[in-house]
C-alpha atoms as a PDB file:
ATOM      1  CA  MET A   1      90.559  85.834  81.027  1.00  0.00           C
ATOM      2  CA  ARG A   2      92.329  89.027  82.056  1.00  0.00           C
ATOM      3  CA  LEU A   3      95.991  89.852  82.507  1.00  0.00           C
ATOM      4  CA  MET A   4      96.927  92.273  85.281  1.00  0.00           C
ATOM      5  CA  VAL A   5     100.121  94.146  84.428  1.00  0.00           C
ATOM      6  CA  SER A   6     102.004  95.766  87.326  1.00  0.00           C
ATOM      7  CA  MET A   7     104.117  98.656  86.089  1.00  0.00           C
ATOM      8  CA  GLY A   8     105.435 102.178  86.358  1.00  0.00           C
ATOM      9  CA  LEU A   9     104.492 104.751  83.735  1.00  0.00           C
ATOM     10  CA  ARG A  10     105.443 108.348  82.998  1.00  0.00           C
ATOM     11  CA  PRO A  11     101.946 109.771  82.421  1.00  0.00           C
ATOM     12  CA  ASP A  12     102.961 112.599  80.082  1.00  0.00           C
ATOM     13  CA  GLY A  13     105.416 110.470  78.093  1.00  0.00           C
ATOM     14  CA  ARG A  14     108.387 112.652  79.014  1.00  0.00           C
ATOM     15  CA  PRO A  15     111.535 110.792  80.057  1.00  0.00           C
ATOM     16  CA  ARG A  16     112.295 113.055  83.030  1.00  0.00           C
ATOM     17  CA  THR A  17     108.820 112.875  84.565  1.00  0.00           C
ATOM     18  CA  PRO A  18     108.690 110.648  87.673  1.00  0.00           C
ATOM     19  CA  LEU A  19     107.166 107.228  87.201  1.00  0.00           C
ATOM     20  CA  ALA A  20     103.633 106.720  88.499  1.00  0.00           C
ATOM     21  CA  ALA A  21     102.322 103.401  89.852  1.00  0.00           C
ATOM     22  CA  HIS A  22      99.851 101.710  87.488  1.00  0.00           C
ATOM     23  CA  LEU A  23      98.039  98.376  87.480  1.00  0.00           C
ATOM     24  CA  VAL A  24      96.694  97.806  83.967  1.00  0.00           C
ATOM     25  CA  GLU A  25      93.965  95.259  83.220  1.00  0.00           C
ATOM     26  CA  LEU A  26      94.291  93.724  79.756  1.00  0.00           C
ATOM     27  CA  ASP A  27      91.363  91.932  78.142  1.00  0.00           C
ATOM     28  CA  LEU A  28      93.081  88.990  76.462  1.00  0.00           C
ATOM     29  CA  SER A  29      90.191  88.413  74.066  1.00  0.00           C
ATOM     30  CA  THR A  30      90.830  91.818  72.484  1.00  0.00           C
ATOM     31  CA  GLY A  31      94.388  92.630  73.540  1.00  0.00           C
ATOM     32  CA  ARG A  32      93.219  96.005  74.842  1.00  0.00           C
ATOM     33  CA  ALA A  33      93.485  97.724  78.203  1.00  0.00           C
ATOM     34  CA  ARG A  34      90.074  97.747  79.901  1.00  0.00           C
ATOM     35  CA  ARG A  35      90.804  99.574  83.149  1.00  0.00           C
ATOM     36  CA  THR A  36      93.753 101.092  84.963  1.00  0.00           C
ATOM     37  CA  LEU A  37      94.319 101.540  88.682  1.00  0.00           C
ATOM     38  CA  ARG A  38      96.711 104.361  89.532  1.00  0.00           C
ATOM     39  CA  HIS A  39      97.983 104.567  93.086  1.00  0.00           C
ATOM     40  CA  VAL A  40      99.788 107.425  94.823  1.00  0.00           C
ATOM     41  CA  THR A  41     101.973 106.482  97.782  1.00  0.00           C
ATOM     42  CA  PRO A  42     101.589 108.887 100.733  1.00  0.00           C
ATOM     43  CA  LEU A  43     104.404 111.422 100.822  1.00  0.00           C
ATOM     44  CA  HIS A  44     105.594 110.261 104.258  1.00  0.00           C
ATOM     45  CA  TRP A  45     106.183 106.765 102.829  1.00  0.00           C
ATOM     46  CA  ARG A  46     108.466 107.833  99.979  1.00  0.00           C
ATOM     47  CA  SER A  47     111.714 109.731  99.588  1.00  0.00           C
ATOM     48  CA  GLY A  48     110.155 112.939  98.282  1.00  0.00           C
ATOM     49  CA  PRO A  49     107.484 114.495  96.067  1.00  0.00           C
ATOM     50  CA  ASP A  50     109.390 113.662  92.875  1.00  0.00           C
ATOM     51  CA  ALA A  51     110.232 110.063  93.784  1.00  0.00           C
ATOM     52  CA  ASP A  52     109.471 107.388  91.203  1.00  0.00           C
ATOM     53  CA  GLN A  53     106.484 105.216  92.080  1.00  0.00           C
ATOM     54  CA  GLU A  54     105.845 101.798  90.566  1.00  0.00           C
ATOM     55  CA  MET A  55     103.595  98.802  90.971  1.00  0.00           C
ATOM     56  CA  THR A  56     106.041  95.930  91.353  1.00  0.00           C
ATOM     57  CA  CYS A  57     105.496  92.158  91.125  1.00  0.00           C
ATOM     58  CA  ALA A  58     102.123  91.078  92.567  1.00  0.00           C
ATOM     59  CA  ALA A  59     100.730  87.650  93.435  1.00  0.00           C
ATOM     60  CA  PRO A  60      97.193  86.334  93.855  1.00  0.00           C
ATOM     61  CA  LEU A  61      95.947  85.983  97.418  1.00  0.00           C
ATOM     62  CA  ASP A  62      92.668  84.407  96.327  1.00  0.00           C
ATOM     63  CA  ALA A  63      90.415  84.359  93.251  1.00  0.00           C
ATOM     64  CA  ASP A  64      89.490  88.043  93.611  1.00  0.00           C
ATOM     65  CA  THR A  65      92.467  89.618  95.414  1.00  0.00           C
ATOM     66  CA  LEU A  66      95.997  90.540  94.398  1.00  0.00           C
ATOM     67  CA  LEU A  67      98.796  91.322  96.819  1.00  0.00           C
ATOM     68  CA  GLN A  68     100.187  94.282  94.901  1.00  0.00           C
ATOM     69  CA  PRO A  69     103.379  95.925  96.188  1.00  0.00           C
ATOM     70  CA  THR A  70     104.676  99.381  95.457  1.00  0.00           C
ATOM     71  CA  LEU A  71     108.241 100.335  96.338  1.00  0.00           C
ATOM     72  CA  THR A  72     107.294 100.926 100.005  1.00  0.00           C
ATOM     73  CA  GLU A  73     103.825  99.356 100.529  1.00  0.00           C
ATOM     74  CA  VAL A  74     101.675  96.305  99.928  1.00  0.00           C
ATOM     75  CA  LEU A  75      98.168  96.867  98.567  1.00  0.00           C
ATOM     76  CA  TRP A  76      95.292  94.414  98.730  1.00  0.00           C
ATOM     77  CA  VAL A  77      93.563  94.938  95.363  1.00  0.00           C
ATOM     78  CA  ASP A  78      90.033  93.716  94.595  1.00  0.00           C
ATOM     79  CA  THR A  79      90.368  92.616  90.956  1.00  0.00           C
ATOM     80  CA  ARG A  80      86.595  92.618  90.374  1.00  0.00           C
ATOM     81  CA  HIS A  81      86.320  96.349  90.993  1.00  0.00           C
ATOM     82  CA  LEU A  82      90.001  97.195  90.474  1.00  0.00           C
ATOM     83  CA  SER A  83      90.132  98.981  93.791  1.00  0.00           C
ATOM     84  CA  VAL A  84      92.473  99.067  96.785  1.00  0.00           C
ATOM     85  CA  VAL A  85      90.772  97.589  99.849  1.00  0.00           C
ATOM     86  CA  HIS A  86      93.716  97.571 102.266  1.00  0.00           C
ATOM     87  CA  VAL A  87      97.170  99.170 102.481  1.00  0.00           C
ATOM     88  CA  MET A  88     100.073  98.036 104.648  1.00  0.00           C
ATOM     89  CA  SER A  89     103.513  99.570 105.099  1.00  0.00           C
ATOM     90  CA  HIS A  90     106.474  99.214 107.444  1.00  0.00           C
ATOM     91  CA  PRO A  91     109.644 101.311 107.971  1.00  0.00           C
ATOM     92  CA  GLU A  92     111.808  98.488 106.586  1.00  0.00           C
ATOM     93  CA  LEU A  93     110.087  98.411 103.210  1.00  0.00           C
ATOM     94  CA  HIS A  94     112.444  99.832 100.598  1.00  0.00           C
ATOM     95  CA  SER A  95     112.550  99.149  96.868  1.00  0.00           C
ATOM     96  CA  VAL A  96     110.083  96.291  97.296  1.00  0.00           C
ATOM     97  CA  HIS A  97     110.209  94.121  94.173  1.00  0.00           C
ATOM     98  CA  SER A  98     107.652  91.413  95.003  1.00  0.00           C
ATOM     99  CA  ALA A  99     104.982  90.329  97.461  1.00  0.00           C
ATOM    100  CA  VAL A 100     103.580  86.803  97.874  1.00  0.00           C
ATOM    101  CA  PRO A 101     101.168  85.230 100.374  1.00  0.00           C
ATOM    102  CA  ARG A 102     102.878  83.864 103.458  1.00  0.00           C
ATOM    103  CA  PRO A 103     101.863  80.362 104.577  1.00  0.00           C
ATOM    104  CA  GLY A 104      99.878  80.798 107.751  1.00  0.00           C
ATOM    105  CA  GLY A 105      98.825  84.335 106.874  1.00  0.00           C
ATOM    106  CA  GLY A 106     100.369  87.672 106.044  1.00  0.00           C
ATOM    107  CA  VAL A 107     102.792  88.471 103.261  1.00  0.00           C
ATOM    108  CA  THR A 108     106.424  87.850 102.279  1.00  0.00           C
ATOM    109  CA  VAL A 109     108.179  90.700 100.478  1.00  0.00           C
ATOM    110  CA  THR A 110     111.567  91.053  98.810  1.00  0.00           C
ATOM    111  CA  CYS A 111     113.286  94.368  99.482  1.00  0.00           C
ATOM    112  CA  ALA A 112     115.902  94.694  96.745  1.00  0.00           C
ATOM    113  CA  GLY A 113     117.208  97.966  98.163  1.00  0.00           C
ATOM    114  CA  THR A 114     118.078  96.597 101.590  1.00  0.00           C
ATOM    115  CA  ASP A 115     118.968  93.042 100.483  1.00  0.00           C
ATOM    116  CA  SER A 116     116.293  91.587 102.740  1.00  0.00           C
ATOM    117  CA  VAL A 117     113.271  89.299 102.713  1.00  0.00           C
ATOM    118  CA  LEU A 118     110.595  90.284 105.213  1.00  0.00           C
ATOM    119  CA  GLU A 119     107.613  88.360 106.533  1.00  0.00           C
ATOM    120  CA  LEU A 120     104.827  90.618 107.800  1.00  0.00           C
ATOM    121  CA  SER A 121     101.290  90.317 109.096  1.00  0.00           C
ATOM    122  CA  GLU A 122      98.399  91.943 107.261  1.00  0.00           C
ATOM    123  CA  SER A 123      98.487  94.741 109.851  1.00  0.00           C
ATOM    124  CA  GLY A 124     102.209  95.407 109.270  1.00  0.00           C
ATOM    125  CA  GLU A 125     103.778  93.562 112.193  1.00  0.00           C
ATOM    126  CA  LEU A 126     107.257  92.289 111.330  1.00  0.00           C
ATOM    127  CA  LEU A 127     107.160  88.517 111.869  1.00  0.00           C
ATOM    128  CA  ALA A 128     110.585  87.563 110.474  1.00  0.00           C
ATOM    129  CA  ALA A 129     113.458  89.296 108.727  1.00  0.00           C
ATOM    130  CA  HIS A 130     116.039  87.547 106.553  1.00  0.00           C
ATOM    131  CA  ARG A 131     119.046  89.854 106.062  1.00  0.00           C
ATOM    132  CA  LEU A 132     120.817  88.672 102.927  1.00  0.00           C
ATOM    133  CA  GLY A 133     123.315  91.505 102.864  1.00  0.00           C
ATOM    134  CA  GLY A 134     123.940  92.073 106.562  1.00  0.00           C
ATOM    135  CA  ASP A 135     122.216  94.307 109.096  1.00  0.00           C
ATOM    136  CA  ARG A 136     121.480  97.960 108.466  1.00  0.00           C
ATOM    137  CA  PRO A 137     120.797 100.802 110.908  1.00  0.00           C
ATOM    138  CA  MET A 138     117.182 100.823 112.113  1.00  0.00           C
ATOM    139  CA  VAL A 139     115.777 103.856 110.325  1.00  0.00           C
ATOM    140  CA  ASP A 140     112.701 104.487 108.187  1.00  0.00           C
ATOM    141  CA  HIS A 141     114.096 103.131 104.921  1.00  0.00           C
ATOM    142  CA  ARG A 142     110.978 104.269 103.037  1.00  0.00           C
ATOM    143  CA  ARG A 143     112.356 107.809 103.174  1.00  0.00           C
ATOM    144  CA  ALA A 144     115.590 106.833 101.392  1.00  0.00           C
ATOM    145  CA  HIS A 145     115.992 107.168  97.623  1.00  0.00           C
ATOM    146  CA  HIS A 146     115.445 103.828  95.871  1.00  0.00           C
ATOM    147  CA  ASP A 147     119.112 103.755  94.770  1.00  0.00           C
ATOM    148  CA  ALA A 148     120.458 104.853  98.164  1.00  0.00           C
ATOM    149  CA  TYR A 149     121.889 101.497  99.219  1.00  0.00           C
ATOM    150  CA  LYS A 150     123.598 100.400  96.018  1.00  0.00           C
ATOM    151  CA  PRO A 151     125.655  98.368  95.309  1.00  0.00           C
ATOM    152  CA  HIS A 152     123.554  95.456  96.526  1.00  0.00           C
ATOM    153  CA  ALA A 153     124.939  92.134  97.691  1.00  0.00           C
ATOM    154  CA  VAL A 154     122.024  90.041  96.386  1.00  0.00           C
ATOM    155  CA  HIS A 155     119.252  92.362  95.123  1.00  0.00           C
ATOM    156  CA  PRO A 156     116.427  89.866  95.822  1.00  0.00           C
ATOM    157  CA  ASN A 157     113.852  90.194  93.076  1.00  0.00           C
ATOM    158  CA  HIS A 158     111.211  87.588  93.756  1.00  0.00           C
ATOM    159  CA  ALA A 159     110.226  85.191  96.551  1.00  0.00           C
ATOM    160  CA  ILE A 160     108.642  81.744  96.215  1.00  0.00           C
ATOM    161  CA  HIS A 161     107.349  79.609  99.085  1.00  0.00           C
ATOM    162  CA  HIS A 162     108.196  76.099  97.910  1.00  0.00           C
ATOM    163  CA  ALA A 163     109.213  72.752  99.422  1.00  0.00           C
ATOM    164  CA  GLY A 164     109.229  74.088 102.962  1.00  0.00           C
ATOM    165  CA  SER A 165     111.526  77.049 102.339  1.00  0.00           C
ATOM    166  CA  VAL A 166     111.558  80.546 100.872  1.00  0.00           C
ATOM    167  CA  TRP A 167     113.366  80.721  97.544  1.00  0.00           C
ATOM    168  CA  ILE A 168     114.798  83.994  96.253  1.00  0.00           C
ATOM    169  CA  THR A 169     115.817  85.057  92.750  1.00  0.00           C
ATOM    170  CA  GLY A 170     118.874  87.297  93.039  1.00  0.00           C
ATOM    171  CA  PHE A 171     120.071  89.838  90.486  1.00  0.00           C
ATOM    172  CA  GLU A 172     123.615  89.673  91.850  1.00  0.00           C
ATOM    173  CA  SER A 173     123.658  85.961  92.707  1.00  0.00           C
ATOM    174  CA  ARG A 174     122.311  85.036  89.229  1.00  0.00           C
ATOM    175  CA  ALA A 175     120.440  82.090  90.759  1.00  0.00           C
ATOM    176  CA  CYS A 176     117.351  81.085  92.675  1.00  0.00           C
ATOM    177  CA  THR A 177     118.485  80.233  96.190  1.00  0.00           C
ATOM    178  CA  ALA A 178     116.465  78.848  99.099  1.00  0.00           C
ATOM    179  CA  LEU A 179     116.999  80.122 102.605  1.00  0.00           C
ATOM    180  CA  ASN A 180     117.830  76.505 103.496  1.00  0.00           C
ATOM    181  CA  GLY A 181     120.792  76.623 101.094  1.00  0.00           C
ATOM    182  CA  GLN A 182     119.502  74.828  97.980  1.00  0.00           C
ATOM    183  CA  THR A 183     120.275  76.582  94.688  1.00  0.00           C
ATOM    184  CA  ILE A 184     118.945  76.467  91.145  1.00  0.00           C
ATOM    185  CA  GLU A 185     121.523  77.850  88.700  1.00  0.00           C
ATOM    186  CA  LEU A 186     119.812  79.848  85.954  1.00  0.00           C
ATOM    187  CA  GLY A 187     122.708  80.887  83.706  1.00  0.00           C
ATOM    188  CA  GLY A 188     121.910  84.583  83.807  1.00  0.00           C
ATOM    189  CA  ILE A 189     120.271  87.363  85.815  1.00  0.00           C
ATOM    190  CA  PRO A 190     116.818  86.171  86.976  1.00  0.00           C
ATOM    191  CA  HIS A 191     113.808  88.232  87.907  1.00  0.00           C
ATOM    192  CA  ASP A 192     110.544  86.336  88.322  1.00  0.00           C
ATOM    193  CA  GLY A 193     110.192  82.987  89.961  1.00  0.00           C
ATOM    194  CA  ARG A 194     106.692  81.486  89.985  1.00  0.00           C
ATOM    195  CA  LEU A 195     105.258  78.036  90.631  1.00  0.00           C
ATOM    196  CA  ARG A 196     102.765  77.151  87.903  1.00  0.00           C
ATOM    197  CA  GLU A 197     101.417  73.724  86.939  1.00  0.00           C
ATOM    198  CA  GLY A 198     104.294  71.686  88.366  1.00  0.00           C
ATOM    199  CA  ARG A 199     107.076  73.975  87.148  1.00  0.00           C
ATOM    200  CA  LEU A 200     109.011  76.896  88.527  1.00  0.00           C
ATOM    201  CA  TRP A 201     109.023  79.575  85.838  1.00  0.00           C
ATOM    202  CA  PHE A 202     111.841  82.097  85.715  1.00  0.00           C
ATOM    203  CA  THR A 203     112.494  85.116  83.529  1.00  0.00           C
ATOM    204  CA  ARG A 204     116.039  86.236  82.869  1.00  0.00           C
ATOM    205  CA  VAL A 205     116.517  89.888  82.047  1.00  0.00           C
ATOM    206  CA  ASP A 206     118.388  88.992  78.830  1.00  0.00           C
ATOM    207  CA  GLY A 207     115.252  87.540  77.230  1.00  0.00           C
ATOM    208  CA  HIS A 208     115.292  83.918  78.323  1.00  0.00           C
ATOM    209  CA  VAL A 209     112.423  82.132  80.079  1.00  0.00           C
ATOM    210  CA  LEU A 210     113.029  78.838  81.911  1.00  0.00           C
ATOM    211  CA  GLY A 211     110.515  76.250  83.074  1.00  0.00           C
ATOM    212  CA  VAL A 212     112.133  74.132  85.793  1.00  0.00           C
ATOM    213  CA  ASN A 213     110.662  70.906  87.177  1.00  0.00           C
ATOM    214  CA  ALA A 214     109.464  71.754  90.689  1.00  0.00           C
ATOM    215  CA  HIS A 215     110.750  68.453  92.125  1.00  0.00           C
ATOM    216  CA  SER A 216     113.899  67.508  90.200  1.00  0.00           C
ATOM    217  CA  TYR A 217     114.901  71.126  89.436  1.00  0.00           C
ATOM    218  CA  GLU A 218     115.799  70.113  85.902  1.00  0.00           C
ATOM    219  CA  VAL A 219     115.193  72.658  83.136  1.00  0.00           C
ATOM    220  CA  GLU A 220     112.324  71.314  81.020  1.00  0.00           C
ATOM    221  CA  VAL A 221     111.509  74.416  78.956  1.00  0.00           C
ATOM    222  CA  HIS A 222     113.966  77.010  77.656  1.00  0.00           C
ATOM    223  CA  ILE A 223     112.620  79.902  75.585  1.00  0.00           C
ATOM    224  CA  ASP A 224     115.122  82.216  73.868  1.00  0.00           C
ATOM    225  CA  LEU A 225     113.132  85.326  72.959  1.00  0.00           C
ATOM    226  CA  ARG A 226     115.953  86.745  70.841  1.00  0.00           C
ATOM    227  CA  ALA A 227     115.901  83.705  68.576  1.00  0.00           C
ATOM    228  CA  MET A 228     112.117  83.498  68.651  1.00  0.00           C
ATOM    229  CA  SER A 229     111.653  87.190  67.793  1.00  0.00           C
ATOM    230  CA  GLY A 230     113.950  87.108  64.760  1.00  0.00           C
ATOM    231  CA  THR A 231     115.087  90.702  65.243  1.00  0.00           C
ATOM    232  CA  GLU A 232     118.359  92.483  65.907  1.00  0.00           C
ATOM    233  CA  ARG A 233     116.600  95.350  67.681  1.00  0.00           C
ATOM    234  CA  MET A 234     117.006  95.638  71.451  1.00  0.00           C
ATOM    235  CA  LEU A 235     114.455  93.318  73.052  1.00  0.00           C
ATOM    236  CA  GLY A 236     114.249  95.162  76.359  1.00  0.00           C
ATOM    237  CA  TRP A 237     114.310  94.105  79.986  1.00  0.00           C
ATOM    238  CA  CYS A 238     112.522  90.731  80.369  1.00  0.00           C
ATOM    239  CA  ARG A 239     110.446  90.840  83.549  1.00  0.00           C
ATOM    240  CA  GLY A 240     106.967  89.517  84.371  1.00  0.00           C
ATOM    241  CA  VAL A 241     105.674  86.015  83.575  1.00  0.00           C
ATOM    242  CA  ASP A 242     102.559  83.894  83.939  1.00  0.00           C
ATOM    243  CA  VAL A 243     101.432  80.615  82.402  1.00  0.00           C
ATOM    244  CA  LEU A 244      98.101  78.994  81.630  1.00  0.00           C
ATOM    245  CA  GLY A 245      98.066  75.693  79.750  1.00  0.00           C
ATOM    246  CA  ASP A 246     100.028  76.091  76.520  1.00  0.00           C
ATOM    247  CA  ARG A 247     100.144  79.888  76.742  1.00  0.00           C
ATOM    248  CA  LEU A 248     103.071  81.786  78.231  1.00  0.00           C
ATOM    249  CA  TYR A 249     102.842  85.543  78.873  1.00  0.00           C
ATOM    250  CA  VAL A 250     106.029  87.566  79.258  1.00  0.00           C
ATOM    251  CA  GLY A 251     106.597  91.272  79.933  1.00  0.00           C
ATOM    252  CA  MET A 252     109.269  93.270  78.092  1.00  0.00           C
ATOM    253  CA  THR A 253     110.313  96.746  79.205  1.00  0.00           C
ATOM    254  CA  MET A 254     111.836  99.262  76.798  1.00  0.00           C
ATOM    255  CA  LEU A 255     115.355 100.121  77.946  1.00  0.00           C
ATOM    256  CA  ARG A 256     115.850 103.442  79.685  1.00  0.00           C
ATOM    257  CA  ARG A 257     118.770 105.835  79.488  1.00  0.00           C
ATOM    258  CA  THR A 258     120.234 105.165  82.918  1.00  0.00           C
ATOM    259  CA  ALA A 259     123.514 103.631  83.973  1.00  0.00           C
ATOM    260  CA  HIS A 260     121.714 100.547  85.256  1.00  0.00           C
ATOM    261  CA  ARG A 261     119.957  99.988  81.973  1.00  0.00           C
ATOM    262  CA  GLU A 262     123.161 100.510  80.016  1.00  0.00           C
ATOM    263  CA  VAL A 263     124.306  97.253  81.613  1.00  0.00           C
ATOM    264  CA  ALA A 264     121.349  95.721  79.841  1.00  0.00           C
ATOM    265  CA  ARG A 265     122.375  97.408  76.606  1.00  0.00           C
ATOM    266  CA  MET A 266     125.495  95.265  76.659  1.00  0.00           C
ATOM    267  CA  LEU A 267     123.558  92.137  77.614  1.00  0.00           C
ATOM    268  CA  LEU A 268     120.824  92.672  75.033  1.00  0.00           C
ATOM    269  CA  ARG A 269     122.960  93.517  72.036  1.00  0.00           C
ATOM    270  CA  GLY A 270     121.000  94.936  69.140  1.00  0.00           C
ATOM    271  CA  GLU A 271     121.086  97.641  66.532  1.00  0.00           C
ATOM    272  CA  ALA A 272     122.418 100.794  68.187  1.00  0.00           C
ATOM    273  CA  GLY A 273     119.612 103.055  69.351  1.00  0.00           C
ATOM    274  CA  ARG A 274     116.836 100.823  68.034  1.00  0.00           C
ATOM    275  CA  LYS A 275     114.778  99.830  71.050  1.00  0.00           C
ATOM    276  CA  LEU A 276     111.637  97.758  70.955  1.00  0.00           C
ATOM    277  CA  PRO A 277     108.720  99.227  72.947  1.00  0.00           C
ATOM    278  CA  THR A 278     107.331  98.096  76.279  1.00  0.00           C
ATOM    279  CA  ARG A 279     104.954  95.225  75.550  1.00  0.00           C
ATOM    280  CA  VAL A 280     103.511  91.860  76.596  1.00  0.00           C
ATOM    281  CA  LEU A 281     104.351  88.768  74.549  1.00  0.00           C
ATOM    282  CA  GLU A 282     101.948  85.846  74.216  1.00  0.00           C
ATOM    283  CA  ILE A 283     103.802  82.638  73.361  1.00  0.00           C
ATOM    284  CA  ASP A 284     102.458  79.291  72.166  1.00  0.00           C
ATOM    285  CA  LEU A 285     104.455  76.718  74.148  1.00  0.00           C
ATOM    286  CA  VAL A 286     103.506  73.871  71.823  1.00  0.00           C
ATOM    287  CA  GLU A 287     104.513  75.518  68.560  1.00  0.00           C
ATOM    288  CA  ARG A 288     107.244  77.606  70.245  1.00  0.00           C
ATOM    289  CA  ARG A 289     106.299  80.871  68.577  1.00  0.00           C
ATOM    290  CA  ILE A 290     105.157  84.357  69.523  1.00  0.00           C
ATOM    291  CA  VAL A 291     101.486  84.615  68.596  1.00  0.00           C
ATOM    292  CA  ARG A 292     100.834  88.176  69.758  1.00  0.00           C
ATOM    293  CA  GLU A 293     102.582  91.305  71.028  1.00  0.00           C
ATOM    294  CA  ILE A 294     100.499  93.770  73.038  1.00  0.00           C
ATOM    295  CA  PRO A 295     102.082  97.235  73.298  1.00  0.00           C
ATOM    296  CA  LEU A 296     101.873  99.125  76.587  1.00  0.00           C
ATOM    297  CA  GLY A 297     103.177 102.425  77.888  1.00  0.00           C
ATOM    298  CA  ASN A 298     103.945 105.434  75.711  1.00  0.00           C
ATOM    299  CA  GLN A 299     106.874 107.131  74.009  1.00  0.00           C
ATOM    300  CA  ALA A 300     108.773 107.118  77.326  1.00  0.00           C
ATOM    301  CA  GLY A 301     108.249 103.389  77.593  1.00  0.00           C
ATOM    302  CA  GLY A 302     106.929 102.040  80.861  1.00  0.00           C
ATOM    303  CA  THR A 303     108.456  99.561  83.327  1.00  0.00           C
ATOM    304  CA  ILE A 304     106.721  96.192  83.636  1.00  0.00           C
ATOM    305  CA  TYR A 305     107.422  94.333  86.884  1.00  0.00           C
ATOM    306  CA  GLY A 306     104.877  91.552  86.946  1.00  0.00           C
ATOM    307  CA  LEU A 307     102.004  89.766  85.195  1.00  0.00           C
ATOM    308  CA  ASN A 308      99.063  87.947  86.774  1.00  0.00           C
ATOM    309  CA  LEU A 309      96.299  86.050  84.985  1.00  0.00           C
ATOM    310  CA  VAL A 310      92.877  86.420  86.615  1.00  0.00           C
ATOM    311  CA  ARG A 311      89.392  85.313  85.579  1.00  0.00           C
END
């Protein structure tokens, strides 16, 4: 079993170097990185030569293919060869945080920067647009800085096709809300939302993971990583989750020195200046304990967006 980690990494370890988009393949039998795919977005699809680039939250299309977004694209990645086999972009893609298969074909993406959820064909035709924060001028949003449109009304992080609707986890709404109006209150700022083995699994950025019954929407599992870790150090930004049987995998990103992350510093209270590194946690759901921590990144950290288990 392998774990594909979608992330951004500063290759030289210097905090001011732009992030580069990396997809890291972890061998779970050894806990080591086997291969890494680095992707460079074409200059005409990003805000400039020094723009940050990141692999954001991917989703499996089939047994051998991941739909892997960057901030302004969606990549079809062959996980056997760890290679990009198709690239799609559209002028409305901006600060893309997730991509999932669309029922009937194509892809659904969440654009946190423009507060929108877009449904597109594999060739890049816009099939539907859900404007959560109101309409914006029709320009090539890919050329705008990823923070250009803040503050956001919703900041949609992740999309889930479930029960006949599209559900969205919202940073600002602090809930998972369906386009048909149903809402799952999550008690904090959510990132991931994934349907696995009869449950909707959510990460909250403050280090909580919730397993919600996919039919009753009752919380059946609640993991508090602060309590489970037994440390006063700063846990980091909790983002990226996948589940297989009694094993839960969670991504933790070392906090960065930006205004946005200083919000997290207040949420994730710990010993001043003592940050835990970017890493993946493996959790035993039966015994409710962390069984392994796999470090990733370097001295500048590394931003984890998503985790995907593949065979």
